[in-house]
Amino acid sequence: MNPYKLADKAILQLNEAALRRKQKAKSKLLIDGFDELNVIKQIDALYKDLDKNNRKKFKELWLARFQEVYRGVKGKDADDIEDLLEMHLSGLLEDPNDTTHYTYSAEVTRKRDRAKEAILSVPTRAQKQLMMDKHVTYFQQQTAWYADFTSQDAEITAYKEAGVKKVVRHEMDDDKVCSVCKAADGEVYDIDKIPPLPHLRCRRWFTPLN
């Protein structure tokens, strides 16, 4: 069982789409030139599309993971959860995050503006292309973090909606588990008292306490 199968699929799809969209912007700049107006226009459009794609995929991921977990407890899908989905996804993307220490929406804008500054600060076309590659990679890292957050939030919310009171914490069984998380494997939490994530890409997951 891989509780992050849905998240991993979403991350892969979003990263592939980001690379295609970046290449489209890069090709346009190679034709039209890397002057300031063109860079601003293309990078603004690029990050707008990247953010739009993320939001759409995060919504699909949250819903899929929620129903997967809820179904595991109740044996059926939950009904009428659109308002719940919108509320939780809005919180994930618009509120300050305890782990990243920033707000997703504000960070998209910051990353976009930093990308424009970096591209315009170097002299050659080759260097400008490298800057585009570098900054889209930064965006892809953020995408992976928030796909994980989305999956985790949907999981915990589904348990709450299914009436689960206590959960057991588990860690992914691989060599990426840090010593702090490894020590927490098997801990039992009240569903409303689950501690915040200790670090980025923490991939803990939970099962109901029988």
C-alpha atoms as a PDB file:
ATOM      1  CA  MET A   1       0.000   0.000   0.000  1.00  0.00           C
ATOM      2  CA  ASN A   2       1.296   3.440  -0.946  1.00  0.00           C
ATOM      3  CA  PRO A   3      -0.793   6.222   0.651  1.00  0.00           C
ATOM      4  CA  TYR A   4       0.997   8.746  -1.574  1.00  0.00           C
ATOM      5  CA  LYS A   5       0.270   7.017  -4.870  1.00  0.00           C
ATOM      6  CA  LEU A   6      -2.283   9.667  -5.835  1.00  0.00           C
ATOM      7  CA  ALA A   7       0.019  12.504  -4.757  1.00  0.00           C
ATOM      8  CA  ASP A   8       2.981  11.046  -6.649  1.00  0.00           C
ATOM      9  CA  LYS A   9       0.879  10.754  -9.798  1.00  0.00           C
ATOM     10  CA  ALA A  10      -0.301  14.355  -9.448  1.00  0.00           C
ATOM     11  CA  ILE A  11       3.269  15.605  -8.894  1.00  0.00           C
ATOM     12  CA  LEU A  12       4.505  13.749 -11.978  1.00  0.00           C
ATOM     13  CA  GLN A  13       1.705  15.097 -14.160  1.00  0.00           C
ATOM     14  CA  LEU A  14       2.171  18.672 -12.921  1.00  0.00           C
ATOM     15  CA  ASN A  15       5.940  18.574 -13.366  1.00  0.00           C
ATOM     16  CA  GLU A  16       5.622  17.249 -16.900  1.00  0.00           C
ATOM     17  CA  ALA A  17       3.078  19.966 -17.705  1.00  0.00           C
ATOM     18  CA  ALA A  18       5.362  22.610 -16.153  1.00  0.00           C
ATOM     19  CA  LEU A  19       8.264  21.534 -18.359  1.00  0.00           C
ATOM     20  CA  ARG A  20       6.108  21.664 -21.488  1.00  0.00           C
ATOM     21  CA  ARG A  21       4.763  25.095 -20.563  1.00  0.00           C
ATOM     22  CA  LYS A  22       8.249  26.389 -19.759  1.00  0.00           C
ATOM     23  CA  GLN A  23       9.538  25.182 -23.120  1.00  0.00           C
ATOM     24  CA  LYS A  24       6.696  26.998 -24.866  1.00  0.00           C
ATOM     25  CA  ALA A  25       7.610  30.255 -23.092  1.00  0.00           C
ATOM     26  CA  LYS A  26      11.292  29.740 -23.772  1.00  0.00           C
ATOM     27  CA  SER A  27      10.691  29.130 -27.473  1.00  0.00           C
ATOM     28  CA  LYS A  28       8.608  32.290 -27.682  1.00  0.00           C
ATOM     29  CA  LEU A  29      11.372  34.326 -26.025  1.00  0.00           C
ATOM     30  CA  LEU A  30      14.005  32.861 -28.327  1.00  0.00           C
ATOM     31  CA  ILE A  31      11.961  34.080 -31.283  1.00  0.00           C
ATOM     32  CA  ASP A  32      10.812  37.456 -29.938  1.00  0.00           C
ATOM     33  CA  GLY A  33      13.869  38.260 -27.826  1.00  0.00           C
ATOM     34  CA  PHE A  34      14.659  38.439 -24.116  1.00  0.00           C
ATOM     35  CA  ASP A  35      14.022  42.169 -23.734  1.00  0.00           C
ATOM     36  CA  GLU A  36      12.310  43.350 -20.588  1.00  0.00           C
ATOM     37  CA  LEU A  37       8.770  43.623 -21.953  1.00  0.00           C
ATOM     38  CA  ASN A  38       8.866  40.165 -23.539  1.00  0.00           C
ATOM     39  CA  VAL A  39      10.322  38.568 -20.413  1.00  0.00           C
ATOM     40  CA  ILE A  40       7.655  40.155 -18.203  1.00  0.00           C
ATOM     41  CA  LYS A  41       4.878  39.096 -20.576  1.00  0.00           C
ATOM     42  CA  GLN A  42       6.028  35.494 -20.977  1.00  0.00           C
ATOM     43  CA  ILE A  43       6.940  34.866 -17.348  1.00  0.00           C
ATOM     44  CA  ASP A  44       3.691  36.375 -16.078  1.00  0.00           C
ATOM     45  CA  ALA A  45       1.746  34.104 -18.431  1.00  0.00           C
ATOM     46  CA  LEU A  46       3.901  31.095 -17.540  1.00  0.00           C
ATOM     47  CA  TYR A  47       3.376  31.380 -13.787  1.00  0.00           C
ATOM     48  CA  LYS A  48      -0.322  32.115 -14.220  1.00  0.00           C
ATOM     49  CA  ASP A  49      -0.688  28.845 -16.121  1.00  0.00           C
ATOM     50  CA  LEU A  50       1.478  26.891 -13.660  1.00  0.00           C
ATOM     51  CA  ASP A  51      -0.615  28.126 -10.739  1.00  0.00           C
ATOM     52  CA  LYS A  52      -3.876  27.375 -12.554  1.00  0.00           C
ATOM     53  CA  ASN A  53      -2.738  23.841 -13.343  1.00  0.00           C
ATOM     54  CA  ASN A  54      -1.675  23.277  -9.733  1.00  0.00           C
ATOM     55  CA  ARG A  55      -4.958  24.474  -8.291  1.00  0.00           C
ATOM     56  CA  LYS A  56      -6.979  22.259 -10.620  1.00  0.00           C
ATOM     57  CA  LYS A  57      -4.850  19.190  -9.880  1.00  0.00           C
ATOM     58  CA  PHE A  58      -4.762  19.839  -6.113  1.00  0.00           C
ATOM     59  CA  LYS A  59      -8.564  19.931  -6.139  1.00  0.00           C
ATOM     60  CA  GLU A  60      -8.722  16.606  -7.965  1.00  0.00           C
ATOM     61  CA  LEU A  61      -6.127  15.120  -5.611  1.00  0.00           C
ATOM     62  CA  TRP A  62      -7.889  16.282  -2.446  1.00  0.00           C
ATOM     63  CA  LEU A  63     -11.190  14.839  -3.589  1.00  0.00           C
ATOM     64  CA  ALA A  64      -9.668  11.529  -4.694  1.00  0.00           C
ATOM     65  CA  ARG A  65      -7.651  11.031  -1.506  1.00  0.00           C
ATOM     66  CA  PHE A  66     -10.583  12.046   0.711  1.00  0.00           C
ATOM     67  CA  GLN A  67     -12.890   9.507  -0.920  1.00  0.00           C
ATOM     68  CA  GLU A  68     -10.197   6.826  -0.870  1.00  0.00           C
ATOM     69  CA  VAL A  69      -9.761   7.191   2.905  1.00  0.00           C
ATOM     70  CA  TYR A  70     -13.451   7.693   3.678  1.00  0.00           C
ATOM     71  CA  ARG A  71     -14.322   4.617   1.625  1.00  0.00           C
ATOM     72  CA  GLY A  72     -11.787   2.609   3.587  1.00  0.00           C
ATOM     73  CA  VAL A  73     -13.619   3.424   6.821  1.00  0.00           C
ATOM     74  CA  LYS A  74     -17.238   3.567   5.704  1.00  0.00           C
ATOM     75  CA  GLY A  75     -17.240   1.277   2.682  1.00  0.00           C
ATOM     76  CA  LYS A  76     -18.750   3.963   0.457  1.00  0.00           C
ATOM     77  CA  ASP A  77     -18.005   7.451  -0.876  1.00  0.00           C
ATOM     78  CA  ALA A  78     -19.048  10.524   1.069  1.00  0.00           C
ATOM     79  CA  ASP A  79     -21.790  12.740  -0.348  1.00  0.00           C
ATOM     80  CA  ASP A  80     -21.935  16.523  -0.734  1.00  0.00           C
ATOM     81  CA  ILE A  81     -18.350  17.433   0.139  1.00  0.00           C
ATOM     82  CA  GLU A  82     -17.813  20.244  -2.376  1.00  0.00           C
ATOM     83  CA  ASP A  83     -18.044  22.930   0.323  1.00  0.00           C
ATOM     84  CA  LEU A  84     -15.658  20.939   2.520  1.00  0.00           C
ATOM     85  CA  LEU A  85     -13.219  20.591  -0.365  1.00  0.00           C
ATOM     86  CA  GLU A  86     -13.307  24.298  -1.200  1.00  0.00           C
ATOM     87  CA  MET A  87     -12.849  25.329   2.435  1.00  0.00           C
ATOM     88  CA  HIS A  88      -9.872  23.065   3.030  1.00  0.00           C
ATOM     89  CA  LEU A  89      -8.169  23.778  -0.283  1.00  0.00           C
ATOM     90  CA  SER A  90      -8.601  27.509   0.244  1.00  0.00           C
ATOM     91  CA  GLY A  91      -6.968  27.151   3.647  1.00  0.00           C
ATOM     92  CA  LEU A  92      -4.065  25.183   2.218  1.00  0.00           C
ATOM     93  CA  LEU A  93      -3.363  27.723  -0.520  1.00  0.00           C
ATOM     94  CA  GLU A  94      -4.347  31.041   1.021  1.00  0.00           C
ATOM     95  CA  ASP A  95      -3.364  30.711   4.695  1.00  0.00           C
ATOM     96  CA  PRO A  96       0.157  30.743   6.187  1.00  0.00           C
ATOM     97  CA  ASN A  97       1.599  27.233   6.318  1.00  0.00           C
ATOM     98  CA  ASP A  98       3.191  25.968   9.533  1.00  0.00           C
ATOM     99  CA  THR A  99       5.845  24.002   7.633  1.00  0.00           C
ATOM    100  CA  THR A 100       6.812  26.295   4.758  1.00  0.00           C
ATOM    101  CA  HIS A 101       6.296  29.477   6.841  1.00  0.00           C
ATOM    102  CA  TYR A 102       4.720  31.206   3.864  1.00  0.00           C
ATOM    103  CA  THR A 103       1.441  31.385   1.973  1.00  0.00           C
ATOM    104  CA  TYR A 104       1.226  29.429  -1.271  1.00  0.00           C
ATOM    105  CA  SER A 105      -0.465  32.196  -3.264  1.00  0.00           C
ATOM    106  CA  ALA A 106       2.009  34.844  -2.140  1.00  0.00           C
ATOM    107  CA  GLU A 107       4.917  32.520  -2.866  1.00  0.00           C
ATOM    108  CA  VAL A 108       3.740  31.964  -6.451  1.00  0.00           C
ATOM    109  CA  THR A 109       3.904  35.722  -6.960  1.00  0.00           C
ATOM    110  CA  ARG A 110       7.304  35.951  -5.264  1.00  0.00           C
ATOM    111  CA  LYS A 111       8.734  33.122  -7.357  1.00  0.00           C
ATOM    112  CA  ARG A 112       7.371  34.701 -10.529  1.00  0.00           C
ATOM    113  CA  ASP A 113       8.946  38.067  -9.760  1.00  0.00           C
ATOM    114  CA  ARG A 114      12.259  36.517  -8.733  1.00  0.00           C
ATOM    115  CA  ALA A 115      12.315  34.599 -12.014  1.00  0.00           C
ATOM    116  CA  LYS A 116      11.847  37.793 -14.013  1.00  0.00           C
ATOM    117  CA  GLU A 117      14.579  39.561 -12.052  1.00  0.00           C
ATOM    118  CA  ALA A 118      17.003  36.656 -12.503  1.00  0.00           C
ATOM    119  CA  ILE A 119      16.403  36.336 -16.249  1.00  0.00           C
ATOM    120  CA  LEU A 120      16.855  40.067 -16.805  1.00  0.00           C
ATOM    121  CA  SER A 121      19.983  40.221 -14.635  1.00  0.00           C
ATOM    122  CA  VAL A 122      22.174  37.987 -16.832  1.00  0.00           C
ATOM    123  CA  PRO A 123      23.589  39.069 -20.199  1.00  0.00           C
ATOM    124  CA  THR A 124      23.468  36.105 -22.578  1.00  0.00           C
ATOM    125  CA  ARG A 125      20.580  34.139 -24.044  1.00  0.00           C
ATOM    126  CA  ALA A 126      22.098  30.897 -22.782  1.00  0.00           C
ATOM    127  CA  GLN A 127      22.264  32.265 -19.243  1.00  0.00           C
ATOM    128  CA  LYS A 128      18.703  33.536 -19.467  1.00  0.00           C
ATOM    129  CA  GLN A 129      17.492  30.093 -20.486  1.00  0.00           C
ATOM    130  CA  LEU A 130      19.351  28.537 -17.573  1.00  0.00           C
ATOM    131  CA  MET A 131      17.673  30.998 -15.223  1.00  0.00           C
ATOM    132  CA  MET A 132      14.269  29.971 -16.579  1.00  0.00           C
ATOM    133  CA  ASP A 133      15.124  26.318 -15.972  1.00  0.00           C
ATOM    134  CA  LYS A 134      16.353  27.036 -12.443  1.00  0.00           C
ATOM    135  CA  HIS A 135      13.321  29.006 -11.353  1.00  0.00           C
ATOM    136  CA  VAL A 136      10.769  26.612 -12.809  1.00  0.00           C
ATOM    137  CA  THR A 137      12.564  23.892 -10.829  1.00  0.00           C
ATOM    138  CA  TYR A 138      11.941  25.965  -7.684  1.00  0.00           C
ATOM    139  CA  PHE A 139       8.262  26.109  -8.605  1.00  0.00           C
ATOM    140  CA  GLN A 140       8.201  22.343  -9.103  1.00  0.00           C
ATOM    141  CA  GLN A 141       9.592  21.866  -5.598  1.00  0.00           C
ATOM    142  CA  GLN A 142       6.756  23.946  -4.211  1.00  0.00           C
ATOM    143  CA  THR A 143       4.300  21.903  -6.260  1.00  0.00           C
ATOM    144  CA  ALA A 144       5.570  18.681  -4.663  1.00  0.00           C
ATOM    145  CA  TRP A 145       5.331  20.125  -1.153  1.00  0.00           C
ATOM    146  CA  TYR A 146       1.746  21.249  -1.611  1.00  0.00           C
ATOM    147  CA  ALA A 147       0.648  18.043  -3.291  1.00  0.00           C
ATOM    148  CA  ASP A 148       1.830  16.259  -0.146  1.00  0.00           C
ATOM    149  CA  PHE A 149       0.008  18.785   2.066  1.00  0.00           C
ATOM    150  CA  THR A 150      -3.155  18.351   0.002  1.00  0.00           C
ATOM    151  CA  SER A 151      -3.038  14.571   0.312  1.00  0.00           C
ATOM    152  CA  GLN A 152      -2.401  14.718   4.052  1.00  0.00           C
ATOM    153  CA  ASP A 153      -5.169  17.239   4.696  1.00  0.00           C
ATOM    154  CA  ALA A 154      -7.667  15.181   2.712  1.00  0.00           C
ATOM    155  CA  GLU A 155      -6.706  12.041   4.647  1.00  0.00           C
ATOM    156  CA  ILE A 156      -7.134  13.611   8.090  1.00  0.00           C
ATOM    157  CA  THR A 157     -10.348  15.387   7.074  1.00  0.00           C
ATOM    158  CA  ALA A 158     -11.812  12.128   5.778  1.00  0.00           C
ATOM    159  CA  TYR A 159     -11.120  10.396   9.077  1.00  0.00           C
ATOM    160  CA  LYS A 160     -12.817  13.221  10.951  1.00  0.00           C
ATOM    161  CA  GLU A 161     -15.855  13.113   8.682  1.00  0.00           C
ATOM    162  CA  ALA A 162     -16.026   9.321   9.064  1.00  0.00           C
ATOM    163  CA  GLY A 163     -16.140   9.661  12.840  1.00  0.00           C
ATOM    164  CA  VAL A 164     -12.646   8.341  13.613  1.00  0.00           C
ATOM    165  CA  LYS A 165     -11.476   9.550  17.037  1.00  0.00           C
ATOM    166  CA  LYS A 166      -7.891   8.288  17.235  1.00  0.00           C
ATOM    167  CA  VAL A 167      -5.289   7.442  14.591  1.00  0.00           C
ATOM    168  CA  VAL A 168      -1.966   5.624  14.477  1.00  0.00           C
ATOM    169  CA  ARG A 169       0.947   7.336  12.745  1.00  0.00           C
ATOM    170  CA  HIS A 170       3.016   5.479  10.161  1.00  0.00           C
ATOM    171  CA  GLU A 171       6.079   6.411   8.138  1.00  0.00           C
ATOM    172  CA  MET A 172       6.912   5.529   4.550  1.00  0.00           C
ATOM    173  CA  ASP A 173       9.124   2.467   4.650  1.00  0.00           C
ATOM    174  CA  ASP A 174      12.135   3.789   2.749  1.00  0.00           C
ATOM    175  CA  ASP A 175      15.586   5.270   3.314  1.00  0.00           C
ATOM    176  CA  LYS A 176      14.291   8.860   3.209  1.00  0.00           C
ATOM    177  CA  VAL A 177      12.658   8.721   6.638  1.00  0.00           C
ATOM    178  CA  CYS A 178      14.462  11.029   9.059  1.00  0.00           C
ATOM    179  CA  SER A 179      15.340   9.995  12.620  1.00  0.00           C
ATOM    180  CA  VAL A 180      12.652  12.267  14.135  1.00  0.00           C
ATOM    181  CA  CYS A 181       9.879  10.761  12.029  1.00  0.00           C
ATOM    182  CA  LYS A 182      11.161   7.221  12.416  1.00  0.00           C
ATOM    183  CA  ALA A 183      10.947   7.592  16.194  1.00  0.00           C
ATOM    184  CA  ALA A 184       7.337   8.778  15.887  1.00  0.00           C
ATOM    185  CA  ASP A 185       6.229   5.712  13.924  1.00  0.00           C
ATOM    186  CA  GLY A 186       3.399   4.008  15.807  1.00  0.00           C
ATOM    187  CA  GLU A 187       2.422   7.045  17.890  1.00  0.00           C
ATOM    188  CA  VAL A 188      -1.291   7.387  18.631  1.00  0.00           C
ATOM    189  CA  TYR A 189      -3.021  10.776  18.333  1.00  0.00           C
ATOM    190  CA  ASP A 190      -6.469  12.160  18.964  1.00  0.00           C
ATOM    191  CA  ILE A 191      -7.780  13.111  15.533  1.00  0.00           C
ATOM    192  CA  ASP A 192      -7.952  16.793  16.577  1.00  0.00           C
ATOM    193  CA  LYS A 193      -4.483  16.830  18.131  1.00  0.00           C
ATOM    194  CA  ILE A 194      -2.225  15.633  15.334  1.00  0.00           C
ATOM    195  CA  PRO A 195       1.045  17.622  15.557  1.00  0.00           C
ATOM    196  CA  PRO A 196       2.185  19.753  12.626  1.00  0.00           C
ATOM    197  CA  LEU A 197       4.626  18.366  10.087  1.00  0.00           C
ATOM    198  CA  PRO A 198       8.224  18.522  11.369  1.00  0.00           C
ATOM    199  CA  HIS A 199       9.719  19.247   7.931  1.00  0.00           C
ATOM    200  CA  LEU A 200       9.049  19.491   4.210  1.00  0.00           C
ATOM    201  CA  ARG A 201       8.373  16.255   2.314  1.00  0.00           C
ATOM    202  CA  CYS A 202       7.452  14.501   5.554  1.00  0.00           C
ATOM    203  CA  ARG A 203       5.249  11.693   4.261  1.00  0.00           C
ATOM    204  CA  ARG A 204       3.633  10.387   7.381  1.00  0.00           C
ATOM    205  CA  TRP A 205       0.240   8.752   7.117  1.00  0.00           C
ATOM    206  CA  PHE A 206      -2.404   7.413   9.473  1.00  0.00           C
ATOM    207  CA  THR A 207      -4.743   4.526  10.105  1.00  0.00           C
ATOM    208  CA  PRO A 208      -7.695   4.451  12.535  1.00  0.00           C
ATOM    209  CA  LEU A 209      -6.954   3.035  15.967  1.00  0.00           C
ATOM    210  CA  ASN A 210      -9.031  -0.116  16.245  1.00  0.00           C
END
